[in-house]
All heavy atoms as atom14 arrays in JSON, in Angstrom:
{
  "sequence": "STDIGSNDAWDPVPGVVNNSVTLDITGVPKNFFRLRKNP",
  "atom14_mask": [
    [1, 1, 1, 1, 1, 1, 0, 0, 0, 0, 0, 0, 0, 0],
    [1, 1, 1, 1, 1, 1, 1, 0, 0, 0, 0, 0, 0, 0],
    [1, 1, 1, 1, 1, 1, 1, 1, 0, 0, 0, 0, 0, 0],
    [1, 1, 1, 1, 1, 1, 1, 1, 0, 0, 0, 0, 0, 0],
    [1, 1, 1, 1, 0, 0, 0, 0, 0, 0, 0, 0, 0, 0],
    [1, 1, 1, 1, 1, 1, 0, 0, 0, 0, 0, 0, 0, 0],
    [1, 1, 1, 1, 1, 1, 1, 1, 0, 0, 0, 0, 0, 0],
    [1, 1, 1, 1, 1, 1, 1, 1, 0, 0, 0, 0, 0, 0],
    [1, 1, 1, 1, 1, 0, 0, 0, 0, 0, 0, 0, 0, 0],
    [1, 1, 1, 1, 1, 1, 1, 1, 1, 1, 1, 1, 1, 1],
    [1, 1, 1, 1, 1, 1, 1, 1, 0, 0, 0, 0, 0, 0],
    [1, 1, 1, 1, 1, 1, 1, 0, 0, 0, 0, 0, 0, 0],
    [1, 1, 1, 1, 1, 1, 1, 0, 0, 0, 0, 0, 0, 0],
    [1, 1, 1, 1, 1, 1, 1, 0, 0, 0, 0, 0, 0, 0],
    [1, 1, 1, 1, 0, 0, 0, 0, 0, 0, 0, 0, 0, 0],
    [1, 1, 1, 1, 1, 1, 1, 0, 0, 0, 0, 0, 0, 0],
    [1, 1, 1, 1, 1, 1, 1, 0, 0, 0, 0, 0, 0, 0],
    [1, 1, 1, 1, 1, 1, 1, 1, 0, 0, 0, 0, 0, 0],
    [1, 1, 1, 1, 1, 1, 1, 1, 0, 0, 0, 0, 0, 0],
    [1, 1, 1, 1, 1, 1, 0, 0, 0, 0, 0, 0, 0, 0],
    [1, 1, 1, 1, 1, 1, 1, 0, 0, 0, 0, 0, 0, 0],
    [1, 1, 1, 1, 1, 1, 1, 0, 0, 0, 0, 0, 0, 0],
    [1, 1, 1, 1, 1, 1, 1, 1, 0, 0, 0, 0, 0, 0],
    [1, 1, 1, 1, 1, 1, 1, 1, 0, 0, 0, 0, 0, 0],
    [1, 1, 1, 1, 1, 1, 1, 1, 0, 0, 0, 0, 0, 0],
    [1, 1, 1, 1, 1, 1, 1, 0, 0, 0, 0, 0, 0, 0],
    [1, 1, 1, 1, 0, 0, 0, 0, 0, 0, 0, 0, 0, 0],
    [1, 1, 1, 1, 1, 1, 1, 0, 0, 0, 0, 0, 0, 0],
    [1, 1, 1, 1, 1, 1, 1, 0, 0, 0, 0, 0, 0, 0],
    [1, 1, 1, 1, 1, 1, 1, 1, 1, 0, 0, 0, 0, 0],
    [1, 1, 1, 1, 1, 1, 1, 1, 0, 0, 0, 0, 0, 0],
    [1, 1, 1, 1, 1, 1, 1, 1, 1, 1, 1, 0, 0, 0],
    [1, 1, 1, 1, 1, 1, 1, 1, 1, 1, 1, 0, 0, 0],
    [1, 1, 1, 1, 1, 1, 1, 1, 1, 1, 1, 0, 0, 0],
    [1, 1, 1, 1, 1, 1, 1, 1, 0, 0, 0, 0, 0, 0],
    [1, 1, 1, 1, 1, 1, 1, 1, 1, 1, 1, 0, 0, 0],
    [1, 1, 1, 1, 1, 1, 1, 1, 1, 0, 0, 0, 0, 0],
    [1, 1, 1, 1, 1, 1, 1, 1, 0, 0, 0, 0, 0, 0],
    [1, 1, 1, 1, 1, 1, 1, 0, 0, 0, 0, 0, 0, 0]
  ],
  "atom14_positions": [
    [[-25.44, -52.51, -8.14], [-24.15, -51.85, -8.25], [-23.77, -51.32, -6.87], [-24.62, -50.95, -6.06], [-24.23, -50.68, -9.23], [-23.01, -49.98, -9.27], [0.0, 0.0, 0.0], [0.0, 0.0, 0.0], [0.0, 0.0, 0.0], [0.0, 0.0, 0.0], [0.0, 0.0, 0.0], [0.0, 0.0, 0.0], [0.0, 0.0, 0.0], [0.0, 0.0, 0.0]],
    [[-22.46, -51.28, -6.61], [-21.98, -50.63, -5.4], [-21.56, -49.19, -5.69], [-21.23, -48.45, -4.78], [-20.78, -51.4, -4.79], [-19.75, -51.5, -5.78], [-21.19, -52.79, -4.34], [0.0, 0.0, 0.0], [0.0, 0.0, 0.0], [0.0, 0.0, 0.0], [0.0, 0.0, 0.0], [0.0, 0.0, 0.0], [0.0, 0.0, 0.0], [0.0, 0.0, 0.0]],
    [[-21.59, -48.8, -6.97], [-21.21, -47.45, -7.39], [-22.32, -46.88, -8.27], [-22.35, -47.1, -9.47], [-19.89, -47.48, -8.15], [-19.42, -46.11, -8.6], [-20.03, -45.08, -8.21], [-18.41, -46.05, -9.32], [0.0, 0.0, 0.0], [0.0, 0.0, 0.0], [0.0, 0.0, 0.0], [0.0, 0.0, 0.0], [0.0, 0.0, 0.0], [0.0, 0.0, 0.0]],
    [[-23.23, -46.15, -7.66], [-24.38, -45.63, -8.39], [-23.99, -44.59, -9.44], [-24.74, -44.33, -10.37], [-25.44, -45.06, -7.42], [-26.78, -44.93, -8.11], [-24.97, -43.75, -6.81], [-27.92, -44.66, -7.17], [0.0, 0.0, 0.0], [0.0, 0.0, 0.0], [0.0, 0.0, 0.0], [0.0, 0.0, 0.0], [0.0, 0.0, 0.0], [0.0, 0.0, 0.0]],
    [[-22.79, -44.02, -9.34], [-22.37, -42.99, -10.28], [-21.8, -43.51, -11.58], [-21.52, -42.75, -12.49], [0.0, 0.0, 0.0], [0.0, 0.0, 0.0], [0.0, 0.0, 0.0], [0.0, 0.0, 0.0], [0.0, 0.0, 0.0], [0.0, 0.0, 0.0], [0.0, 0.0, 0.0], [0.0, 0.0, 0.0], [0.0, 0.0, 0.0], [0.0, 0.0, 0.0]],
    [[-21.64, -44.82, -11.72], [-21.04, -45.39, -12.92], [-22.06, -46.2, -13.71], [-22.66, -47.13, -13.19], [-19.86, -46.3, -12.55], [-19.39, -46.97, -13.69], [0.0, 0.0, 0.0], [0.0, 0.0, 0.0], [0.0, 0.0, 0.0], [0.0, 0.0, 0.0], [0.0, 0.0, 0.0], [0.0, 0.0, 0.0], [0.0, 0.0, 0.0], [0.0, 0.0, 0.0]],
    [[-22.25, -45.84, -14.97], [-23.17, -46.62, -15.81], [-22.61, -47.99, -16.15], [-23.34, -48.88, -16.56], [-23.49, -45.86, -17.1], [-24.49, -44.76, -16.86], [-25.3, -44.83, -15.94], [-24.44, -43.73, -17.69], [0.0, 0.0, 0.0], [0.0, 0.0, 0.0], [0.0, 0.0, 0.0], [0.0, 0.0, 0.0], [0.0, 0.0, 0.0], [0.0, 0.0, 0.0]],
    [[-21.3, -48.19, -16.01], [-20.67, -49.46, -16.36], [-20.64, -50.46, -15.21], [-20.26, -51.59, -15.39], [-19.23, -49.22, -16.82], [-19.17, -48.37, -18.07], [-20.12, -48.44, -18.88], [-18.18, -47.63, -18.25], [0.0, 0.0, 0.0], [0.0, 0.0, 0.0], [0.0, 0.0, 0.0], [0.0, 0.0, 0.0], [0.0, 0.0, 0.0], [0.0, 0.0, 0.0]],
    [[-21.05, -50.04, -14.02], [-20.9, -50.87, -12.84], [-22.14, -51.69, -12.5], [-22.21, -52.28, -11.44], [-20.52, -50.0, -11.64], [0.0, 0.0, 0.0], [0.0, 0.0, 0.0], [0.0, 0.0, 0.0], [0.0, 0.0, 0.0], [0.0, 0.0, 0.0], [0.0, 0.0, 0.0], [0.0, 0.0, 0.0], [0.0, 0.0, 0.0], [0.0, 0.0, 0.0]],
    [[-23.14, -51.74, -13.37], [-24.38, -52.46, -13.09], [-24.3, -53.89, -13.59], [-23.91, -54.15, -14.73], [-25.57, -51.75, -13.73], [-25.83, -50.42, -13.09], [-25.35, -49.22, -13.49], [-26.6, -50.18, -11.93], [-25.79, -48.23, -12.66], [-26.56, -48.79, -11.67], [-27.34, -50.98, -11.07], [-27.23, -48.2, -10.61], [-28.0, -50.39, -10.01], [-27.95, -49.01, -9.78]],
    [[-24.68, -54.85, -12.72], [-24.66, -56.27, -13.06], [-26.02, -56.9, -12.79], [-26.69, -56.51, -11.83], [-23.61, -57.02, -12.22], [-22.2, -56.53, -12.49], [-21.81, -56.5, -13.67], [-21.49, -56.19, -11.51], [0.0, 0.0, 0.0], [0.0, 0.0, 0.0], [0.0, 0.0, 0.0], [0.0, 0.0, 0.0], [0.0, 0.0, 0.0], [0.0, 0.0, 0.0]],
    [[-26.41, -57.88, -13.6], [-27.67, -58.58, -13.33], [-27.6, -59.3, -11.98], [-26.57, -59.84, -11.6], [-27.78, -59.6, -14.46], [-26.86, -59.1, -15.53], [-25.77, -58.35, -14.82], [0.0, 0.0, 0.0], [0.0, 0.0, 0.0], [0.0, 0.0, 0.0], [0.0, 0.0, 0.0], [0.0, 0.0, 0.0], [0.0, 0.0, 0.0], [0.0, 0.0, 0.0]],
    [[-28.71, -59.29, -11.25], [-28.8, -60.0, -9.98], [-29.19, -61.45, -10.28], [-30.21, -61.7, -10.92], [-29.86, -59.34, -9.06], [-30.06, -60.15, -7.79], [-29.45, -57.9, -8.73], [0.0, 0.0, 0.0], [0.0, 0.0, 0.0], [0.0, 0.0, 0.0], [0.0, 0.0, 0.0], [0.0, 0.0, 0.0], [0.0, 0.0, 0.0], [0.0, 0.0, 0.0]],
    [[-28.38, -62.42, -9.85], [-28.71, -63.82, -10.11], [-29.84, -64.31, -9.2], [-30.06, -63.76, -8.11], [-27.41, -64.56, -9.79], [-26.7, -63.68, -8.82], [-27.11, -62.26, -9.15], [0.0, 0.0, 0.0], [0.0, 0.0, 0.0], [0.0, 0.0, 0.0], [0.0, 0.0, 0.0], [0.0, 0.0, 0.0], [0.0, 0.0, 0.0], [0.0, 0.0, 0.0]],
    [[-30.55, -65.34, -9.67], [-31.54, -66.0, -8.85], [-32.94, -65.41, -8.88], [-33.78, -65.8, -8.08], [0.0, 0.0, 0.0], [0.0, 0.0, 0.0], [0.0, 0.0, 0.0], [0.0, 0.0, 0.0], [0.0, 0.0, 0.0], [0.0, 0.0, 0.0], [0.0, 0.0, 0.0], [0.0, 0.0, 0.0], [0.0, 0.0, 0.0], [0.0, 0.0, 0.0]],
    [[-33.19, -64.47, -9.79], [-34.53, -63.87, -9.89], [-35.48, -64.9, -10.5], [-35.23, -65.44, -11.57], [-34.52, -62.57, -10.72], [-35.92, -62.04, -10.9], [-33.6, -61.54, -10.09], [0.0, 0.0, 0.0], [0.0, 0.0, 0.0], [0.0, 0.0, 0.0], [0.0, 0.0, 0.0], [0.0, 0.0, 0.0], [0.0, 0.0, 0.0], [0.0, 0.0, 0.0]],
    [[-36.59, -65.16, -9.8], [-37.61, -66.1, -10.28], [-38.97, -65.42, -10.1], [-39.28, -64.93, -9.0], [-37.57, -67.43, -9.49], [-38.7, -68.35, -9.93], [-36.22, -68.1, -9.66], [0.0, 0.0, 0.0], [0.0, 0.0, 0.0], [0.0, 0.0, 0.0], [0.0, 0.0, 0.0], [0.0, 0.0, 0.0], [0.0, 0.0, 0.0], [0.0, 0.0, 0.0]],
    [[-39.77, -65.4, -11.16], [-41.09, -64.78, -11.11], [-41.03, -63.35, -10.58], [-41.84, -62.94, -9.74], [-42.07, -65.62, -10.27], [-42.33, -66.97, -10.9], [-42.37, -67.11, -12.11], [-42.5, -67.97, -10.06], [0.0, 0.0, 0.0], [0.0, 0.0, 0.0], [0.0, 0.0, 0.0], [0.0, 0.0, 0.0], [0.0, 0.0, 0.0], [0.0, 0.0, 0.0]],
    [[-40.02, -62.61, -11.06], [-39.85, -61.19, -10.7], [-39.63, -60.98, -9.21], [-40.05, -59.98, -8.64], [-41.03, -60.35, -11.19], [-41.13, -60.29, -12.7], [-40.31, -60.85, -13.4], [-42.13, -59.61, -13.19], [0.0, 0.0, 0.0], [0.0, 0.0, 0.0], [0.0, 0.0, 0.0], [0.0, 0.0, 0.0], [0.0, 0.0, 0.0], [0.0, 0.0, 0.0]],
    [[-38.92, -61.9, -8.57], [-38.64, -61.79, -7.14], [-37.32, -62.49, -6.82], [-36.98, -63.51, -7.44], [-39.77, -62.43, -6.34], [-39.52, -62.34, -4.96], [0.0, 0.0, 0.0], [0.0, 0.0, 0.0], [0.0, 0.0, 0.0], [0.0, 0.0, 0.0], [0.0, 0.0, 0.0], [0.0, 0.0, 0.0], [0.0, 0.0, 0.0], [0.0, 0.0, 0.0]],
    [[-36.6, -61.93, -5.84], [-35.37, -62.57, -5.37], [-35.16, -62.19, -3.91], [-35.48, -61.09, -3.49], [-34.14, -62.16, -6.23], [-33.84, -60.68, -6.1], [-32.92, -62.99, -5.9], [0.0, 0.0, 0.0], [0.0, 0.0, 0.0], [0.0, 0.0, 0.0], [0.0, 0.0, 0.0], [0.0, 0.0, 0.0], [0.0, 0.0, 0.0], [0.0, 0.0, 0.0]],
    [[-34.66, -63.15, -3.13], [-34.32, -62.9, -1.73], [-32.8, -63.02, -1.6], [-32.21, -64.0, -2.06], [-35.03, -63.89, -0.81], [-36.45, -63.72, -0.97], [-34.66, -63.66, 0.64], [0.0, 0.0, 0.0], [0.0, 0.0, 0.0], [0.0, 0.0, 0.0], [0.0, 0.0, 0.0], [0.0, 0.0, 0.0], [0.0, 0.0, 0.0], [0.0, 0.0, 0.0]],
    [[-32.2, -61.99, -0.97], [-30.75, -61.93, -0.84], [-30.35, -61.82, 0.63], [-30.99, -61.11, 1.4], [-30.22, -60.7, -1.59], [-30.59, -60.58, -3.06], [-30.2, -59.21, -3.59], [-29.91, -61.69, -3.86], [0.0, 0.0, 0.0], [0.0, 0.0, 0.0], [0.0, 0.0, 0.0], [0.0, 0.0, 0.0], [0.0, 0.0, 0.0], [0.0, 0.0, 0.0]],
    [[-29.27, -62.52, 0.99], [-28.69, -62.38, 2.33], [-27.8, -61.15, 2.31], [-26.94, -61.01, 1.44], [-27.87, -63.62, 2.66], [-27.27, -63.6, 4.05], [-27.51, -62.63, 4.8], [-26.56, -64.55, 4.39], [0.0, 0.0, 0.0], [0.0, 0.0, 0.0], [0.0, 0.0, 0.0], [0.0, 0.0, 0.0], [0.0, 0.0, 0.0], [0.0, 0.0, 0.0]],
    [[-28.01, -60.24, 3.24], [-27.24, -58.99, 3.25], [-26.18, -58.96, 4.35], [-25.56, -57.92, 4.58], [-28.18, -57.77, 3.37], [-29.04, -57.85, 4.63], [-29.01, -57.62, 2.12], [-29.83, -56.58, 4.91], [0.0, 0.0, 0.0], [0.0, 0.0, 0.0], [0.0, 0.0, 0.0], [0.0, 0.0, 0.0], [0.0, 0.0, 0.0], [0.0, 0.0, 0.0]],
    [[-25.93, -60.1, 4.98], [-24.91, -60.18, 6.02], [-23.54, -59.83, 5.44], [-23.1, -60.47, 4.49], [-24.85, -61.58, 6.64], [-26.15, -61.93, 7.13], [-23.83, -61.67, 7.76], [0.0, 0.0, 0.0], [0.0, 0.0, 0.0], [0.0, 0.0, 0.0], [0.0, 0.0, 0.0], [0.0, 0.0, 0.0], [0.0, 0.0, 0.0], [0.0, 0.0, 0.0]],
    [[-22.92, -58.79, 5.97], [-21.57, -58.42, 5.54], [-21.49, -57.79, 4.16], [-20.4, -57.6, 3.63], [0.0, 0.0, 0.0], [0.0, 0.0, 0.0], [0.0, 0.0, 0.0], [0.0, 0.0, 0.0], [0.0, 0.0, 0.0], [0.0, 0.0, 0.0], [0.0, 0.0, 0.0], [0.0, 0.0, 0.0], [0.0, 0.0, 0.0], [0.0, 0.0, 0.0]],
    [[-22.61, -57.46, 3.56], [-22.62, -56.87, 2.22], [-22.49, -55.35, 2.35], [-23.23, -54.73, 3.12], [-23.92, -57.23, 1.47], [-24.0, -56.53, 0.13], [-24.02, -58.74, 1.3], [0.0, 0.0, 0.0], [0.0, 0.0, 0.0], [0.0, 0.0, 0.0], [0.0, 0.0, 0.0], [0.0, 0.0, 0.0], [0.0, 0.0, 0.0], [0.0, 0.0, 0.0]],
    [[-21.55, -54.75, 1.6], [-21.46, -53.28, 1.64], [-22.67, -52.65, 0.97], [-23.55, -53.36, 0.46], [-20.18, -52.99, 0.84], [-20.05, -54.16, -0.08], [-20.63, -55.34, 0.66], [0.0, 0.0, 0.0], [0.0, 0.0, 0.0], [0.0, 0.0, 0.0], [0.0, 0.0, 0.0], [0.0, 0.0, 0.0], [0.0, 0.0, 0.0], [0.0, 0.0, 0.0]],
    [[-22.7, -51.33, 0.94], [-23.83, -50.66, 0.28], [-24.06, -51.25, -1.1], [-23.14, -51.67, -1.77], [-23.59, -49.16, 0.2], [-22.46, -48.8, -0.75], [-22.27, -47.31, -0.8], [-21.07, -47.04, -1.71], [-20.72, -45.66, -1.79], [0.0, 0.0, 0.0], [0.0, 0.0, 0.0], [0.0, 0.0, 0.0], [0.0, 0.0, 0.0], [0.0, 0.0, 0.0]],
    [[-25.32, -51.27, -1.48], [-25.71, -51.83, -2.77], [-26.9, -51.05, -3.29], [-27.8, -50.72, -2.52], [-26.08, -53.3, -2.6], [-25.45, -54.2, -3.63], [-25.36, -53.82, -4.79], [-25.04, -55.38, -3.22], [0.0, 0.0, 0.0], [0.0, 0.0, 0.0], [0.0, 0.0, 0.0], [0.0, 0.0, 0.0], [0.0, 0.0, 0.0], [0.0, 0.0, 0.0]],
    [[-26.9, -50.76, -4.56], [-28.0, -50.06, -5.21], [-28.64, -51.01, -6.2], [-27.97, -51.86, -6.78], [-27.48, -48.82, -5.94], [-26.78, -47.85, -5.04], [-25.4, -47.9, -4.89], [-27.5, -46.91, -4.32], [-24.74, -47.01, -4.05], [-26.85, -46.01, -3.48], [-25.47, -46.07, -3.35], [0.0, 0.0, 0.0], [0.0, 0.0, 0.0], [0.0, 0.0, 0.0]],
    [[-29.96, -50.87, -6.37], [-30.69, -51.75, -7.28], [-31.5, -50.92, -8.25], [-31.96, -49.82, -7.93], [-31.64, -52.67, -6.48], [-30.92, -53.62, -5.57], [-30.67, -53.28, -4.25], [-30.48, -54.84, -6.03], [-30.01, -54.14, -3.4], [-29.81, -55.72, -5.19], [-29.56, -55.37, -3.87], [0.0, 0.0, 0.0], [0.0, 0.0, 0.0], [0.0, 0.0, 0.0]],
    [[-31.69, -51.47, -9.46], [-32.54, -50.82, -10.46], [-33.16, -51.9, -11.34], [-32.63, -53.02, -11.44], [-31.75, -49.83, -11.31], [-30.8, -50.5, -12.3], [-30.1, -49.48, -13.14], [-29.26, -50.13, -14.16], [-28.45, -49.47, -14.97], [-28.35, -48.15, -14.91], [-27.73, -50.12, -15.87], [0.0, 0.0, 0.0], [0.0, 0.0, 0.0], [0.0, 0.0, 0.0]],
    [[-34.25, -51.54, -11.99], [-34.82, -52.37, -13.03], [-34.5, -51.74, -14.37], [-34.64, -50.53, -14.54], [-36.34, -52.47, -12.85], [-36.82, -53.32, -11.69], [-38.33, -53.17, -11.5], [-36.45, -54.78, -11.89], [0.0, 0.0, 0.0], [0.0, 0.0, 0.0], [0.0, 0.0, 0.0], [0.0, 0.0, 0.0], [0.0, 0.0, 0.0], [0.0, 0.0, 0.0]],
    [[-34.05, -52.58, -15.31], [-33.74, -52.11, -16.66], [-34.56, -52.91, -17.65], [-34.65, -54.14, -17.55], [-32.25, -52.26, -16.97], [-31.85, -51.75, -18.36], [-30.37, -51.87, -18.6], [-29.85, -53.23, -18.43], [-29.91, -54.18, -19.38], [-30.48, -53.95, -20.54], [-29.4, -55.37, -19.14], [0.0, 0.0, 0.0], [0.0, 0.0, 0.0], [0.0, 0.0, 0.0]],
    [[-35.18, -52.22, -18.6], [-35.99, -52.89, -19.63], [-35.09, -53.77, -20.47], [-34.08, -53.31, -20.98], [-36.72, -51.85, -20.48], [-37.6, -52.46, -21.55], [-38.83, -53.07, -20.95], [-39.79, -53.52, -22.06], [-40.42, -54.78, -21.74], [0.0, 0.0, 0.0], [0.0, 0.0, 0.0], [0.0, 0.0, 0.0], [0.0, 0.0, 0.0], [0.0, 0.0, 0.0]],
    [[-35.46, -55.04, -20.61], [-34.72, -55.97, -21.45], [-35.0, -55.61, -22.91], [-36.14, -55.59, -23.32], [-35.16, -57.4, -21.13], [-34.26, -58.43, -21.73], [-33.2, -58.14, -22.27], [-34.67, -59.68, -21.62], [0.0, 0.0, 0.0], [0.0, 0.0, 0.0], [0.0, 0.0, 0.0], [0.0, 0.0, 0.0], [0.0, 0.0, 0.0], [0.0, 0.0, 0.0]],
    [[-33.94, -55.33, -23.67], [-34.16, -54.93, -25.08], [-34.79, -56.02, -25.92], [-34.76, -57.13, -25.68], [-32.77, -54.59, -25.6], [-31.8, -55.02, -24.56], [-32.55, -55.39, -23.34], [0.0, 0.0, 0.0], [0.0, 0.0, 0.0], [0.0, 0.0, 0.0], [0.0, 0.0, 0.0], [0.0, 0.0, 0.0], [0.0, 0.0, 0.0], [0.0, 0.0, 0.0]]
  ]
}
């Protein structure tokens, strides 16, 4: 999410494989990450 204060602003990160993902951060604004238990 780019807005840590909003519970509605969280999106799944694409491309996760074996609990790992590499992302290019060139030109990316602030970003927050979290792990959420899959129901």
